[in-house]
Amino acid sequence: MKKGKQILAIIGIILLIVLYLSTLVCAITDNTGTMKMFKASIFATFVIPVLIWAYTFLYKLTHKK
């Protein structure tokens, strides 16, 4: 199970890095759809870590030893 947690943590880190980079690109570029992408990227930057924390918290509650 430890290996699975490590893989999920690495995937979460990579996803956050991609989100940060896309937020930066959306902030720098000036296009008609950029503002919508920027808002979505900012939203996901906050929501994804909260969801990862919630899943981890619920897993710990349901799988106590």
PDB file of N, CA and C in Angstrom:
ATOM      1  N   MET A   1       0.820  -1.194   0.000  1.00  0.00           N
ATOM      2  CA  MET A   1       0.000   0.000   0.000  1.00  0.00           C
ATOM      3  C   MET A   1       0.862   1.255   0.000  1.00  0.00           C
ATOM      4  N   LYS A   2       2.046   1.157   0.603  1.00  0.00           N
ATOM      5  CA  LYS A   2       2.921   2.319   0.663  1.00  0.00           C
ATOM      6  C   LYS A   2       3.339   2.750  -0.741  1.00  0.00           C
ATOM      7  N   LYS A   3       3.577   1.787  -1.614  1.00  0.00           N
ATOM      8  CA  LYS A   3       3.975   2.088  -2.991  1.00  0.00           C
ATOM      9  C   LYS A   3       2.854   2.824  -3.722  1.00  0.00           C
ATOM     10  N   GLY A   4       1.619   2.413  -3.488  1.00  0.00           N
ATOM     11  CA  GLY A   4       0.472   3.062  -4.114  1.00  0.00           C
ATOM     12  C   GLY A   4       0.316   4.505  -3.660  1.00  0.00           C
ATOM     13  N   LYS A   5       0.544   4.745  -2.370  1.00  0.00           N
ATOM     14  CA  LYS A   5       0.466   6.109  -1.847  1.00  0.00           C
ATOM     15  C   LYS A   5       1.548   6.992  -2.468  1.00  0.00           C
ATOM     16  N   GLN A   6       2.736   6.438  -2.630  1.00  0.00           N
ATOM     17  CA  GLN A   6       3.823   7.205  -3.231  1.00  0.00           C
ATOM     18  C   GLN A   6       3.512   7.558  -4.676  1.00  0.00           C
ATOM     19  N   ILE A   7       2.956   6.618  -5.411  1.00  0.00           N
ATOM     20  CA  ILE A   7       2.613   6.878  -6.811  1.00  0.00           C
ATOM     21  C   ILE A   7       1.537   7.951  -6.896  1.00  0.00           C
ATOM     22  N   LEU A   8       0.510   7.855  -6.049  1.00  0.00           N
ATOM     23  CA  LEU A   8      -0.542   8.868  -6.049  1.00  0.00           C
ATOM     24  C   LEU A   8      -0.009  10.236  -5.638  1.00  0.00           C
ATOM     25  N   ALA A   9       0.922  10.263  -4.695  1.00  0.00           N
ATOM     26  CA  ALA A   9       1.515  11.531  -4.283  1.00  0.00           C
ATOM     27  C   ALA A   9       2.313  12.156  -5.422  1.00  0.00           C
ATOM     28  N   ILE A  10       3.059  11.348  -6.144  1.00  0.00           N
ATOM     29  CA  ILE A  10       3.836  11.857  -7.280  1.00  0.00           C
ATOM     30  C   ILE A  10       2.910  12.371  -8.374  1.00  0.00           C
ATOM     31  N   ILE A  11       1.825  11.651  -8.635  1.00  0.00           N
ATOM     32  CA  ILE A  11       0.855  12.111  -9.634  1.00  0.00           C
ATOM     33  C   ILE A  11       0.237  13.440  -9.203  1.00  0.00           C
ATOM     34  N   GLY A  12      -0.083  13.575  -7.922  1.00  0.00           N
ATOM     35  CA  GLY A  12      -0.632  14.827  -7.405  1.00  0.00           C
ATOM     36  C   GLY A  12       0.343  15.981  -7.546  1.00  0.00           C
ATOM     37  N   ILE A  13       1.609  15.733  -7.275  1.00  0.00           N
ATOM     38  CA  ILE A  13       2.634  16.771  -7.403  1.00  0.00           C
ATOM     39  C   ILE A  13       2.784  17.195  -8.859  1.00  0.00           C
ATOM     40  N   ILE A  14       2.826  16.222  -9.756  1.00  0.00           N
ATOM     41  CA  ILE A  14       2.953  16.539 -11.185  1.00  0.00           C
ATOM     42  C   ILE A  14       1.745  17.332 -11.666  1.00  0.00           C
ATOM     43  N   LEU A  15       0.561  16.940 -11.224  1.00  0.00           N
ATOM     44  CA  LEU A  15      -0.657  17.650 -11.610  1.00  0.00           C
ATOM     45  C   LEU A  15      -0.632  19.095 -11.125  1.00  0.00           C
ATOM     46  N   LEU A  16      -0.177  19.313  -9.898  1.00  0.00           N
ATOM     47  CA  LEU A  16      -0.090  20.678  -9.374  1.00  0.00           C
ATOM     48  C   LEU A  16       0.943  21.511 -10.127  1.00  0.00           C
ATOM     49  N   ILE A  17       2.062  20.915 -10.476  1.00  0.00           N
ATOM     50  CA  ILE A  17       3.074  21.643 -11.244  1.00  0.00           C
ATOM     51  C   ILE A  17       2.519  22.052 -12.599  1.00  0.00           C
ATOM     52  N   VAL A  18       1.810  21.138 -13.250  1.00  0.00           N
ATOM     53  CA  VAL A  18       1.195  21.460 -14.546  1.00  0.00           C
ATOM     54  C   VAL A  18       0.166  22.575 -14.383  1.00  0.00           C
ATOM     55  N   LEU A  19      -0.611  22.533 -13.305  1.00  0.00           N
ATOM     56  CA  LEU A  19      -1.593  23.592 -13.067  1.00  0.00           C
ATOM     57  C   LEU A  19      -0.923  24.939 -12.827  1.00  0.00           C
ATOM     58  N   TYR A  20       0.157  24.950 -12.058  1.00  0.00           N
ATOM     59  CA  TYR A  20       0.870  26.205 -11.819  1.00  0.00           C
ATOM     60  C   TYR A  20       1.442  26.766 -13.116  1.00  0.00           C
ATOM     61  N   LEU A  21       1.997  25.892 -13.938  1.00  0.00           N
ATOM     62  CA  LEU A  21       2.545  26.349 -15.218  1.00  0.00           C
ATOM     63  C   LEU A  21       1.447  26.859 -16.147  1.00  0.00           C
ATOM     64  N   SER A  22       0.313  26.168 -16.178  1.00  0.00           N
ATOM     65  CA  SER A  22      -0.780  26.640 -17.036  1.00  0.00           C
ATOM     66  C   SER A  22      -1.343  27.958 -16.522  1.00  0.00           C
ATOM     67  N   THR A  23      -1.384  28.148 -15.214  1.00  0.00           N
ATOM     68  CA  THR A  23      -1.823  29.425 -14.658  1.00  0.00           C
ATOM     69  C   THR A  23      -0.873  30.535 -15.075  1.00  0.00           C
ATOM     70  N   LEU A  24       0.411  30.265 -15.029  1.00  0.00           N
ATOM     71  CA  LEU A  24       1.402  31.254 -15.437  1.00  0.00           C
ATOM     72  C   LEU A  24       1.265  31.599 -16.913  1.00  0.00           C
ATOM     73  N   VAL A  25       1.108  30.592 -17.747  1.00  0.00           N
ATOM     74  CA  VAL A  25       0.964  30.823 -19.187  1.00  0.00           C
ATOM     75  C   VAL A  25      -0.308  31.616 -19.474  1.00  0.00           C
ATOM     76  N   CYS A  26      -1.401  31.262 -18.809  1.00  0.00           N
ATOM     77  CA  CYS A  26      -2.660  31.989 -19.013  1.00  0.00           C
ATOM     78  C   CYS A  26      -2.557  33.431 -18.533  1.00  0.00           C
ATOM     79  N   ALA A  27      -1.785  33.665 -17.484  1.00  0.00           N
ATOM     80  CA  ALA A  27      -1.628  35.027 -16.981  1.00  0.00           C
ATOM     81  C   ALA A  27      -0.781  35.876 -17.922  1.00  0.00           C
ATOM     82  N   ILE A  28       0.167  35.259 -18.593  1.00  0.00           N
ATOM     83  CA  ILE A  28       1.071  36.008 -19.468  1.00  0.00           C
ATOM     84  C   ILE A  28       0.452  36.272 -20.831  1.00  0.00           C
ATOM     85  N   THR A  29      -0.227  35.280 -21.392  1.00  0.00           N
ATOM     86  CA  THR A  29      -0.766  35.431 -22.742  1.00  0.00           C
ATOM     87  C   THR A  29      -2.046  36.255 -22.736  1.00  0.00           C
ATOM     88  N   ASP A  30      -2.321  36.852 -23.880  1.00  0.00           N
ATOM     89  CA  ASP A  30      -3.532  37.658 -24.029  1.00  0.00           C
ATOM     90  C   ASP A  30      -4.320  37.108 -25.206  1.00  0.00           C
ATOM     91  N   ASN A  31      -5.378  36.390 -24.882  1.00  0.00           N
ATOM     92  CA  ASN A  31      -6.205  35.762 -25.890  1.00  0.00           C
ATOM     93  C   ASN A  31      -7.661  35.885 -25.444  1.00  0.00           C
ATOM     94  N   THR A  32      -8.600  35.602 -26.333  1.00  0.00           N
ATOM     95  CA  THR A  32     -10.006  35.754 -25.967  1.00  0.00           C
ATOM     96  C   THR A  32     -10.445  34.730 -24.924  1.00  0.00           C
ATOM     97  N   GLY A  33      -9.958  33.521 -24.999  1.00  0.00           N
ATOM     98  CA  GLY A  33     -10.358  32.479 -24.055  1.00  0.00           C
ATOM     99  C   GLY A  33      -9.432  32.332 -22.872  1.00  0.00           C
ATOM    100  N   THR A  34      -8.425  33.165 -22.792  1.00  0.00           N
ATOM    101  CA  THR A  34      -7.419  33.020 -21.744  1.00  0.00           C
ATOM    102  C   THR A  34      -7.997  33.276 -20.357  1.00  0.00           C
ATOM    103  N   MET A  35      -8.897  34.235 -20.235  1.00  0.00           N
ATOM    104  CA  MET A  35      -9.450  34.561 -18.921  1.00  0.00           C
ATOM    105  C   MET A  35     -10.248  33.385 -18.353  1.00  0.00           C
ATOM    106  N   LYS A  36     -10.988  32.691 -19.197  1.00  0.00           N
ATOM    107  CA  LYS A  36     -11.736  31.516 -18.728  1.00  0.00           C
ATOM    108  C   LYS A  36     -10.778  30.407 -18.300  1.00  0.00           C
ATOM    109  N   MET A  37      -9.733  30.190 -19.093  1.00  0.00           N
ATOM    110  CA  MET A  37      -8.749  29.166 -18.736  1.00  0.00           C
ATOM    111  C   MET A  37      -8.015  29.547 -17.458  1.00  0.00           C
ATOM    112  N   PHE A  38      -7.722  30.836 -17.291  1.00  0.00           N
ATOM    113  CA  PHE A  38      -7.041  31.314 -16.093  1.00  0.00           C
ATOM    114  C   PHE A  38      -7.909  31.066 -14.856  1.00  0.00           C
ATOM    115  N   LYS A  39      -9.192  31.397 -14.947  1.00  0.00           N
ATOM    116  CA  LYS A  39     -10.100  31.173 -13.822  1.00  0.00           C
ATOM    117  C   LYS A  39     -10.210  29.687 -13.493  1.00  0.00           C
ATOM    118  N   ALA A  40     -10.315  28.853 -14.520  1.00  0.00           N
ATOM    119  CA  ALA A  40     -10.403  27.408 -14.298  1.00  0.00           C
ATOM    120  C   ALA A  40      -9.125  26.873 -13.668  1.00  0.00           C
ATOM    121  N   SER A  41      -7.996  27.391 -14.094  1.00  0.00           N
ATOM    122  CA  SER A  41      -6.714  26.945 -13.560  1.00  0.00           C
ATOM    123  C   SER A  41      -6.554  27.355 -12.095  1.00  0.00           C
ATOM    124  N   ILE A  42      -6.935  28.580 -11.772  1.00  0.00           N
ATOM    125  CA  ILE A  42      -6.873  29.037 -10.379  1.00  0.00           C
ATOM    126  C   ILE A  42      -7.812  28.197  -9.513  1.00  0.00           C
ATOM    127  N   PHE A  43      -9.019  27.942 -10.004  1.00  0.00           N
ATOM    128  CA  PHE A  43      -9.986  27.126  -9.271  1.00  0.00           C
ATOM    129  C   PHE A  43      -9.424  25.730  -9.005  1.00  0.00           C
ATOM    130  N   ALA A  44      -8.880  25.106 -10.034  1.00  0.00           N
ATOM    131  CA  ALA A  44      -8.336  23.755  -9.891  1.00  0.00           C
ATOM    132  C   ALA A  44      -7.119  23.735  -8.971  1.00  0.00           C
ATOM    133  N   THR A  45      -6.337  24.812  -8.974  1.00  0.00           N
ATOM    134  CA  THR A  45      -5.168  24.893  -8.107  1.00  0.00           C
ATOM    135  C   THR A  45      -5.573  24.840  -6.638  1.00  0.00           C
ATOM    136  N   PHE A  46      -6.728  25.388  -6.310  1.00  0.00           N
ATOM    137  CA  PHE A  46      -7.202  25.331  -4.930  1.00  0.00           C
ATOM    138  C   PHE A  46      -7.987  24.054  -4.634  1.00  0.00           C
ATOM    139  N   VAL A  47      -8.769  23.592  -5.582  1.00  0.00           N
ATOM    140  CA  VAL A  47      -9.671  22.469  -5.328  1.00  0.00           C
ATOM    141  C   VAL A  47      -8.936  21.129  -5.286  1.00  0.00           C
ATOM    142  N   ILE A  48      -8.005  20.903  -6.168  1.00  0.00           N
ATOM    143  CA  ILE A  48      -7.330  19.599  -6.236  1.00  0.00           C
ATOM    144  C   ILE A  48      -6.569  19.265  -4.947  1.00  0.00           C
ATOM    145  N   PRO A  49      -5.789  20.178  -4.363  1.00  0.00           N
ATOM    146  CA  PRO A  49      -5.144  19.830  -3.087  1.00  0.00           C
ATOM    147  C   PRO A  49      -6.152  19.550  -1.966  1.00  0.00           C
ATOM    148  N   VAL A  50      -7.269  20.281  -1.957  1.00  0.00           N
ATOM    149  CA  VAL A  50      -8.295  20.035  -0.940  1.00  0.00           C
ATOM    150  C   VAL A  50      -8.905  18.647  -1.131  1.00  0.00           C
ATOM    151  N   LEU A  51      -9.166  18.267  -2.374  1.00  0.00           N
ATOM    152  CA  LEU A  51      -9.708  16.934  -2.636  1.00  0.00           C
ATOM    153  C   LEU A  51      -8.716  15.836  -2.259  1.00  0.00           C
ATOM    154  N   ILE A  52      -7.447  16.048  -2.553  1.00  0.00           N
ATOM    155  CA  ILE A  52      -6.425  15.065  -2.175  1.00  0.00           C
ATOM    156  C   ILE A  52      -6.379  14.917  -0.659  1.00  0.00           C
ATOM    157  N   TRP A  53      -6.439  16.046   0.051  1.00  0.00           N
ATOM    158  CA  TRP A  53      -6.447  15.998   1.512  1.00  0.00           C
ATOM    159  C   TRP A  53      -7.692  15.277   2.019  1.00  0.00           C
ATOM    160  N   ALA A  54      -8.855  15.579   1.438  1.00  0.00           N
ATOM    161  CA  ALA A  54     -10.107  14.964   1.884  1.00  0.00           C
ATOM    162  C   ALA A  54     -10.086  13.453   1.657  1.00  0.00           C
ATOM    163  N   TYR A  55      -9.605  13.019   0.495  1.00  0.00           N
ATOM    164  CA  TYR A  55      -9.521  11.585   0.226  1.00  0.00           C
ATOM    165  C   TYR A  55      -8.578  10.904   1.210  1.00  0.00           C
ATOM    166  N   THR A  56      -7.455  11.527   1.492  1.00  0.00           N
ATOM    167  CA  THR A  56      -6.502  10.959   2.444  1.00  0.00           C
ATOM    168  C   THR A  56      -7.114  10.888   3.839  1.00  0.00           C
ATOM    169  N   PHE A  57      -7.794  11.951   4.241  1.00  0.00           N
ATOM    170  CA  PHE A  57      -8.433  12.007   5.553  1.00  0.00           C
ATOM    171  C   PHE A  57      -9.504  10.924   5.686  1.00  0.00           C
ATOM    172  N   LEU A  58     -10.347  10.791   4.670  1.00  0.00           N
ATOM    173  CA  LEU A  58     -11.394   9.770   4.710  1.00  0.00           C
ATOM    174  C   LEU A  58     -10.808   8.361   4.690  1.00  0.00           C
ATOM    175  N   TYR A  59      -9.732   8.174   3.958  1.00  0.00           N
ATOM    176  CA  TYR A  59      -9.078   6.865   3.932  1.00  0.00           C
ATOM    177  C   TYR A  59      -8.553   6.501   5.319  1.00  0.00           C
ATOM    178  N   LYS A  60      -7.948   7.483   5.994  1.00  0.00           N
ATOM    179  CA  LYS A  60      -7.428   7.219   7.336  1.00  0.00           C
ATOM    180  C   LYS A  60      -8.554   6.910   8.313  1.00  0.00           C
ATOM    181  N   LEU A  61      -9.703   7.571   8.149  1.00  0.00           N
ATOM    182  CA  LEU A  61     -10.831   7.307   9.039  1.00  0.00           C
ATOM    183  C   LEU A  61     -11.429   5.923   8.822  1.00  0.00           C
ATOM    184  N   THR A  62     -11.478   5.488   7.590  1.00  0.00           N
ATOM    185  CA  THR A  62     -12.128   4.212   7.289  1.00  0.00           C
ATOM    186  C   THR A  62     -11.201   3.012   7.426  1.00  0.00           C
ATOM    187  N   HIS A  63      -9.904   3.223   7.420  1.00  0.00           N
ATOM    188  CA  HIS A  63      -8.960   2.103   7.482  1.00  0.00           C
ATOM    189  C   HIS A  63      -8.072   2.179   8.730  1.00  0.00           C
ATOM    190  N   LYS A  64      -8.695   2.384   9.866  1.00  0.00           N
ATOM    191  CA  LYS A  64      -7.922   2.396  11.109  1.00  0.00           C
ATOM    192  C   LYS A  64      -7.521   0.974  11.472  1.00  0.00           C
ATOM    193  N   LYS A  65      -6.363   0.858  12.060  1.00  0.00           N
ATOM    194  CA  LYS A  65      -5.876  -0.467  12.479  1.00  0.00           C
ATOM    195  C   LYS A  65      -6.176  -0.694  13.937  1.00  0.00           C
TER     196      LYS A  65
END
